[in-house]
Amino acid sequence: MISIIICSRKSNISRELTTNIDKTIGCDYELIVIDNSQNTYSIFEAYNIGIEKSKGEYLCFIHDDIRFHTTNWGKIVESIFQSEEDIGLIGIAGTKVKSKMPSAWWDCPKKYRVINIKQHLKSGQIEDWYEGWKNDNIEEVVAIDGVFMAMKNDGKIIFDEKLKGFHCYDLYLSLKHHILGKKVIVTNKILIEHFSVGNLDKSWVESSNLFHKKYKKYLPIISNKACKLENLKNKEVNLCANFISKLIECKLYKDAIYWWFEVFKLKPVAKFHYRFWYRIINIMRCWQS
């Protein structure tokens, strides 16, 4: 049986989603909806409540704004897990490289992204995102997107409730499987339609800052030698420079200086360092005036 766990932004999920799951899953399941309409829980807390309530052999965490287009997708999940003991986590979008510096999973060269999803855009358009697939229906990655995550319910993994908010839970779950030596994979056998896009707002900045500080010793992660570590240096510097700009915009100056030190250790000679301190000094002058 599969336990489907949803952290709902309303008191319950829509009738359309309930019906869609029931008609498409193709196997025994239980539906566990965590009412978070009052913003009582972080996503980490809500999912842990779902895990505690679950009875299924497999856990499936999904967003409350999706639609399944694949029939018998539950049987597909079960068959993938049964095909290889080392597979611990299944998604439908992910990356083969996760940087050390704070970033979303998709902040990587396009050639390392593997995606199969029908995505609604803010413009109202719907796009079929399909990229990174080779000759198989499964690709090993290092991190997956949180819109759909399936894992074994073996009691070895729960979410870290010291992490707050509603971001980076997918990075955390991917990282924990990596630490345990389990494979993280994505499959194109399951097609999902997603009705919203991610928002990298202040809450994302705060969550990403906390996650990457706490787990930086495990990063970066590279799947199957997708690229050489030294080739990531410039990308890491650019990612962190962009993140530092977001921190400054959010007035998180101490954190900006923290991540500047990380960039400095990675690349001591760079024009970015001068631009950064010029910006910080000007902010300090504004305070004094």
Protein backbone atom coordinates (compact mmCIF):
# COMPACT_ATOMS: atom_id res chain seq x y z
CA MET A 1 0.00 0.00 0.00
CA ILE A 2 1.06 3.57 -0.69
CA SER A 3 0.49 6.32 1.88
CA ILE A 4 -0.11 9.62 0.09
CA ILE A 5 0.76 12.58 2.34
CA ILE A 6 -0.38 16.10 1.49
CA CYS A 7 0.22 19.30 3.44
CA SER A 8 -2.89 21.24 2.46
CA ARG A 9 -3.10 25.02 2.40
CA LYS A 10 -6.86 24.65 2.90
CA SER A 11 -8.83 22.63 5.42
CA ASN A 12 -8.98 19.83 2.85
CA ILE A 13 -7.83 19.10 -0.67
CA SER A 14 -10.09 19.59 -3.67
CA ARG A 15 -12.63 16.99 -4.76
CA GLU A 16 -10.92 17.02 -8.18
CA LEU A 17 -7.59 15.93 -6.72
CA THR A 18 -9.19 13.26 -4.52
CA THR A 19 -11.03 11.82 -7.52
CA ASN A 20 -7.95 12.07 -9.74
CA ILE A 21 -5.80 10.12 -7.27
CA ASP A 22 -8.45 7.44 -6.82
CA LYS A 23 -8.91 6.93 -10.56
CA THR A 24 -5.24 6.91 -11.53
CA ILE A 25 -3.20 5.29 -8.72
CA GLY A 26 -4.12 1.69 -9.59
CA CYS A 27 -3.20 0.14 -6.23
CA ASP A 28 -4.18 0.16 -2.57
CA TYR A 29 -3.57 3.48 -0.90
CA GLU A 30 -4.42 5.69 2.02
CA LEU A 31 -4.77 9.46 1.81
CA ILE A 32 -3.34 11.49 4.69
CA VAL A 33 -4.15 15.19 4.47
CA ILE A 34 -2.55 17.52 7.00
CA ASP A 35 -4.75 20.59 7.48
CA ASN A 36 -2.37 23.55 7.46
CA SER A 37 -4.94 26.20 6.59
CA GLN A 38 -3.96 28.15 9.73
CA ASN A 39 -0.24 27.86 8.94
CA THR A 40 0.21 25.81 12.11
CA TYR A 41 3.08 23.67 10.84
CA SER A 42 6.19 24.02 8.77
CA ILE A 43 6.32 21.62 5.83
CA PHE A 44 8.84 19.55 7.82
CA GLU A 45 6.47 19.24 10.78
CA ALA A 46 3.45 18.51 8.60
CA TYR A 47 5.20 15.74 6.71
CA ASN A 48 6.43 14.16 9.93
CA ILE A 49 2.86 14.07 11.20
CA GLY A 50 1.94 12.32 7.97
CA ILE A 51 4.75 9.81 8.36
CA GLU A 52 3.65 9.04 11.93
CA LYS A 53 0.08 8.39 10.76
CA SER A 54 1.08 6.31 7.73
CA LYS A 55 0.61 2.56 7.38
CA GLY A 56 1.83 2.03 3.82
CA GLU A 57 4.99 0.32 2.68
CA TYR A 58 5.74 3.38 0.57
CA LEU A 59 5.23 7.08 1.26
CA CYS A 60 4.33 9.55 -1.44
CA PHE A 61 4.52 13.30 -0.72
CA ILE A 62 2.68 15.45 -3.25
CA HIS A 63 1.57 19.07 -3.64
CA ASP A 64 -2.11 19.93 -3.33
CA ASP A 65 -2.23 21.61 -6.76
CA ILE A 66 -1.42 18.81 -9.19
CA ARG A 67 -3.17 16.34 -11.49
CA PHE A 68 -1.96 12.87 -12.46
CA HIS A 69 -2.09 12.05 -16.17
CA THR A 70 -0.65 8.53 -15.84
CA THR A 71 -2.90 5.62 -14.94
CA ASN A 72 -1.57 2.97 -12.56
CA TRP A 73 1.16 5.32 -11.39
CA GLY A 74 1.09 3.65 -7.97
CA LYS A 75 2.01 0.32 -9.53
CA ILE A 76 4.85 2.06 -11.36
CA VAL A 77 6.19 3.39 -8.05
CA GLU A 78 5.99 -0.06 -6.48
CA SER A 79 7.68 -1.75 -9.44
CA ILE A 80 10.57 0.73 -9.47
CA PHE A 81 11.26 0.20 -5.78
CA GLN A 82 11.03 -3.57 -6.20
CA SER A 83 13.35 -3.54 -9.22
CA GLU A 84 16.42 -2.43 -7.26
CA GLU A 85 17.02 -2.57 -3.52
CA ASP A 86 19.28 0.50 -3.52
CA ILE A 87 16.60 2.86 -4.85
CA GLY A 88 15.39 4.97 -1.94
CA LEU A 89 13.69 8.02 -3.45
CA ILE A 90 11.71 8.63 -6.64
CA GLY A 91 10.81 11.94 -8.27
CA ILE A 92 9.74 13.28 -11.65
CA ALA A 93 12.21 16.20 -11.86
CA GLY A 94 15.72 16.59 -10.51
CA THR A 95 19.37 17.40 -11.02
CA LYS A 96 22.61 15.44 -11.30
CA VAL A 97 24.59 18.19 -9.55
CA LYS A 98 23.77 20.06 -6.35
CA SER A 99 26.07 22.93 -5.49
CA LYS A 100 27.59 23.70 -2.12
CA MET A 101 26.40 27.28 -2.31
CA PRO A 102 22.75 28.16 -1.60
CA SER A 103 20.57 27.58 -4.64
CA ALA A 104 17.44 25.85 -5.84
CA TRP A 105 17.89 22.38 -7.31
CA TRP A 106 17.34 23.69 -10.85
CA ASP A 107 20.18 26.22 -10.52
CA CYS A 108 22.57 24.03 -12.47
CA PRO A 109 23.69 23.74 -16.10
CA LYS A 110 20.77 22.58 -18.23
CA LYS A 111 22.61 19.41 -19.24
CA TYR A 112 22.36 18.15 -15.64
CA ARG A 113 18.59 18.66 -15.26
CA VAL A 114 16.19 15.77 -15.82
CA ILE A 115 12.51 16.72 -15.97
CA ASN A 116 9.14 15.37 -17.09
CA ILE A 117 6.22 17.58 -16.07
CA LYS A 118 3.33 19.56 -17.51
CA GLN A 119 3.85 22.99 -15.97
CA HIS A 120 1.49 25.97 -15.70
CA LEU A 121 3.24 29.35 -15.95
CA LYS A 122 2.32 32.68 -14.36
CA SER A 123 1.46 33.93 -17.85
CA GLY A 124 -1.31 31.33 -18.08
CA GLN A 125 0.56 29.19 -20.59
CA ILE A 126 1.11 25.48 -20.10
CA GLU A 127 4.43 23.96 -21.13
CA ASP A 128 5.59 20.37 -21.40
CA TRP A 129 8.98 20.31 -19.72
CA TYR A 130 10.80 17.22 -20.94
CA GLU A 131 14.58 17.24 -20.91
CA GLY A 132 17.65 15.29 -19.87
CA TRP A 133 16.40 11.80 -20.74
CA LYS A 134 18.65 9.38 -22.57
CA ASN A 135 17.70 5.84 -23.47
CA ASP A 136 15.96 4.83 -20.26
CA ASN A 137 12.85 5.69 -18.28
CA ILE A 138 14.93 6.22 -15.15
CA GLU A 139 17.85 8.56 -14.46
CA GLU A 140 19.89 8.73 -11.28
CA VAL A 141 20.09 12.21 -9.78
CA VAL A 142 21.22 13.80 -6.52
CA ALA A 143 18.18 15.96 -5.73
CA ILE A 144 14.54 16.00 -6.79
CA ASP A 145 11.70 18.50 -6.87
CA GLY A 146 9.16 18.38 -4.05
CA VAL A 147 6.07 18.32 -6.27
CA PHE A 148 6.22 14.50 -6.19
CA MET A 149 8.46 12.45 -3.90
CA ALA A 150 8.07 8.74 -3.16
CA MET A 151 10.19 6.83 -0.65
CA LYS A 152 10.23 3.60 1.30
CA ASN A 153 8.55 3.68 4.69
CA ASP A 154 11.32 1.91 6.59
CA GLY A 155 11.51 4.22 9.60
CA LYS A 156 15.00 5.45 8.75
CA ILE A 157 14.11 8.94 7.57
CA ILE A 158 12.01 11.71 9.05
CA PHE A 159 12.19 15.43 8.26
CA ASP A 160 14.44 17.78 10.22
CA GLU A 161 12.04 20.03 12.13
CA LYS A 162 14.84 22.45 12.98
CA LEU A 163 14.50 23.55 9.37
CA LYS A 164 11.64 26.01 9.07
CA GLY A 165 9.17 27.22 6.48
CA PHE A 166 8.05 25.56 3.26
CA HIS A 167 11.23 25.31 1.21
CA CYS A 168 14.25 22.98 0.92
CA TYR A 169 12.33 19.94 2.21
CA ASP A 170 13.02 18.24 -1.13
CA LEU A 171 16.74 19.01 -0.90
CA TYR A 172 16.75 17.67 2.65
CA LEU A 173 14.99 14.43 1.71
CA SER A 174 17.33 13.91 -1.24
CA LEU A 175 20.40 14.58 0.90
CA LYS A 176 19.31 12.16 3.63
CA HIS A 177 18.97 9.35 1.10
CA HIS A 178 22.40 10.20 -0.29
CA ILE A 179 23.91 10.07 3.22
CA LEU A 180 22.35 6.62 3.74
CA GLY A 181 23.83 5.40 0.47
CA LYS A 182 20.47 5.10 -1.29
CA LYS A 183 19.87 5.99 -4.92
CA VAL A 184 17.77 9.01 -5.79
CA ILE A 185 16.11 8.66 -9.18
CA VAL A 186 13.62 10.36 -11.47
CA THR A 187 11.28 8.61 -13.86
CA ASN A 188 9.44 9.73 -16.99
CA LYS A 189 6.86 6.97 -16.60
CA ILE A 190 4.73 9.25 -14.41
CA LEU A 191 3.33 12.49 -15.86
CA ILE A 192 2.01 15.16 -13.52
CA GLU A 193 0.41 18.51 -14.27
CA HIS A 194 1.44 21.24 -11.85
CA PHE A 195 -0.76 24.31 -11.56
CA SER A 196 1.67 26.71 -9.86
CA VAL A 197 5.32 27.73 -10.05
CA GLY A 198 7.85 28.18 -7.27
CA ASN A 199 8.44 31.57 -5.68
CA LEU A 200 11.95 32.44 -4.50
CA ASP A 201 10.80 35.04 -1.98
CA LYS A 202 12.23 36.05 1.40
CA SER A 203 10.98 32.84 3.02
CA TRP A 204 12.93 30.83 0.42
CA VAL A 205 16.04 32.92 1.11
CA GLU A 206 15.75 32.28 4.85
CA SER A 207 15.09 28.55 4.42
CA SER A 208 17.87 28.09 1.90
CA ASN A 209 20.29 30.00 4.10
CA LEU A 210 19.54 27.74 7.07
CA PHE A 211 19.61 24.48 5.10
CA HIS A 212 22.89 25.19 3.32
CA LYS A 213 24.60 26.33 6.51
CA LYS A 214 23.52 23.26 8.44
CA TYR A 215 24.35 20.68 5.77
CA LYS A 216 27.19 22.32 3.85
CA LYS A 217 29.66 19.60 4.84
CA TYR A 218 27.73 17.14 2.65
CA LEU A 219 27.74 19.44 -0.38
CA PRO A 220 28.31 19.57 -3.30
CA ILE A 221 26.91 16.24 -4.53
CA ILE A 222 27.65 15.01 -8.03
CA SER A 223 25.94 11.99 -9.58
CA ASN A 224 28.03 9.48 -11.50
CA LYS A 225 30.85 11.95 -12.08
CA ALA A 226 28.51 14.19 -14.08
CA CYS A 227 31.25 16.80 -14.07
CA LYS A 228 34.58 17.41 -12.42
CA LEU A 229 34.49 19.29 -9.14
CA GLU A 230 36.92 21.95 -10.34
CA ASN A 231 34.62 22.75 -13.25
CA LEU A 232 31.96 23.83 -10.75
CA LYS A 233 34.05 26.58 -9.15
CA ASN A 234 32.88 29.47 -11.31
CA LYS A 235 29.29 28.27 -11.15
CA GLU A 236 29.51 28.07 -7.35
CA VAL A 237 30.88 31.63 -7.17
CA ASN A 238 28.09 32.96 -9.40
CA LEU A 239 25.40 31.11 -7.44
CA CYS A 240 26.64 32.46 -4.13
CA ALA A 241 27.02 35.99 -5.51
CA ASN A 242 23.38 35.90 -6.61
CA PHE A 243 22.31 34.52 -3.24
CA ILE A 244 24.26 37.19 -1.38
CA SER A 245 22.42 39.83 -3.41
CA LYS A 246 19.12 38.30 -2.29
CA LEU A 247 20.31 38.32 1.33
CA ILE A 248 21.18 42.00 1.09
CA GLU A 249 17.80 42.77 -0.49
CA CYS A 250 16.20 41.01 2.50
CA LYS A 251 18.46 43.00 4.87
CA LEU A 252 20.11 39.82 6.15
CA TYR A 253 23.54 41.43 6.25
CA LYS A 254 25.25 39.08 8.74
CA ASP A 255 24.29 36.12 6.58
CA ALA A 256 25.53 37.94 3.49
CA ILE A 257 28.95 38.38 5.12
CA TYR A 258 28.93 34.70 6.18
CA TRP A 259 28.45 33.57 2.59
CA TRP A 260 30.97 36.11 1.32
CA PHE A 261 33.60 34.32 3.43
CA GLU A 262 32.57 31.03 1.78
CA VAL A 263 33.07 32.55 -1.66
CA PHE A 264 36.39 34.07 -0.61
CA LYS A 265 37.66 30.66 0.54
CA LEU A 266 36.58 29.16 -2.75
CA LYS A 267 38.02 31.92 -4.96
CA PRO A 268 40.13 34.53 -3.13
CA VAL A 269 40.77 36.61 -6.23
CA ALA A 270 37.57 37.83 -7.87
CA LYS A 271 36.05 41.20 -8.79
CA PHE A 272 32.97 40.19 -6.85
CA HIS A 273 34.77 40.76 -3.53
CA TYR A 274 35.31 44.45 -4.29
CA ARG A 275 31.74 44.94 -5.45
CA PHE A 276 30.43 43.21 -2.34
CA TRP A 277 32.34 45.34 0.16
CA TYR A 278 31.60 48.51 -1.79
CA ARG A 279 27.90 47.71 -1.40
CA ILE A 280 28.20 46.83 2.30
CA ILE A 281 30.17 50.00 3.08
CA ASN A 282 27.59 52.14 1.33
CA ILE A 283 24.84 50.49 3.39
CA MET A 284 26.79 51.24 6.58
CA ARG A 285 27.22 54.88 5.52
CA CYS A 286 23.48 55.16 4.99
CA TRP A 287 22.89 53.89 8.53
CA GLN A 288 25.31 56.46 9.96
CA SER A 289 23.69 59.31 8.07
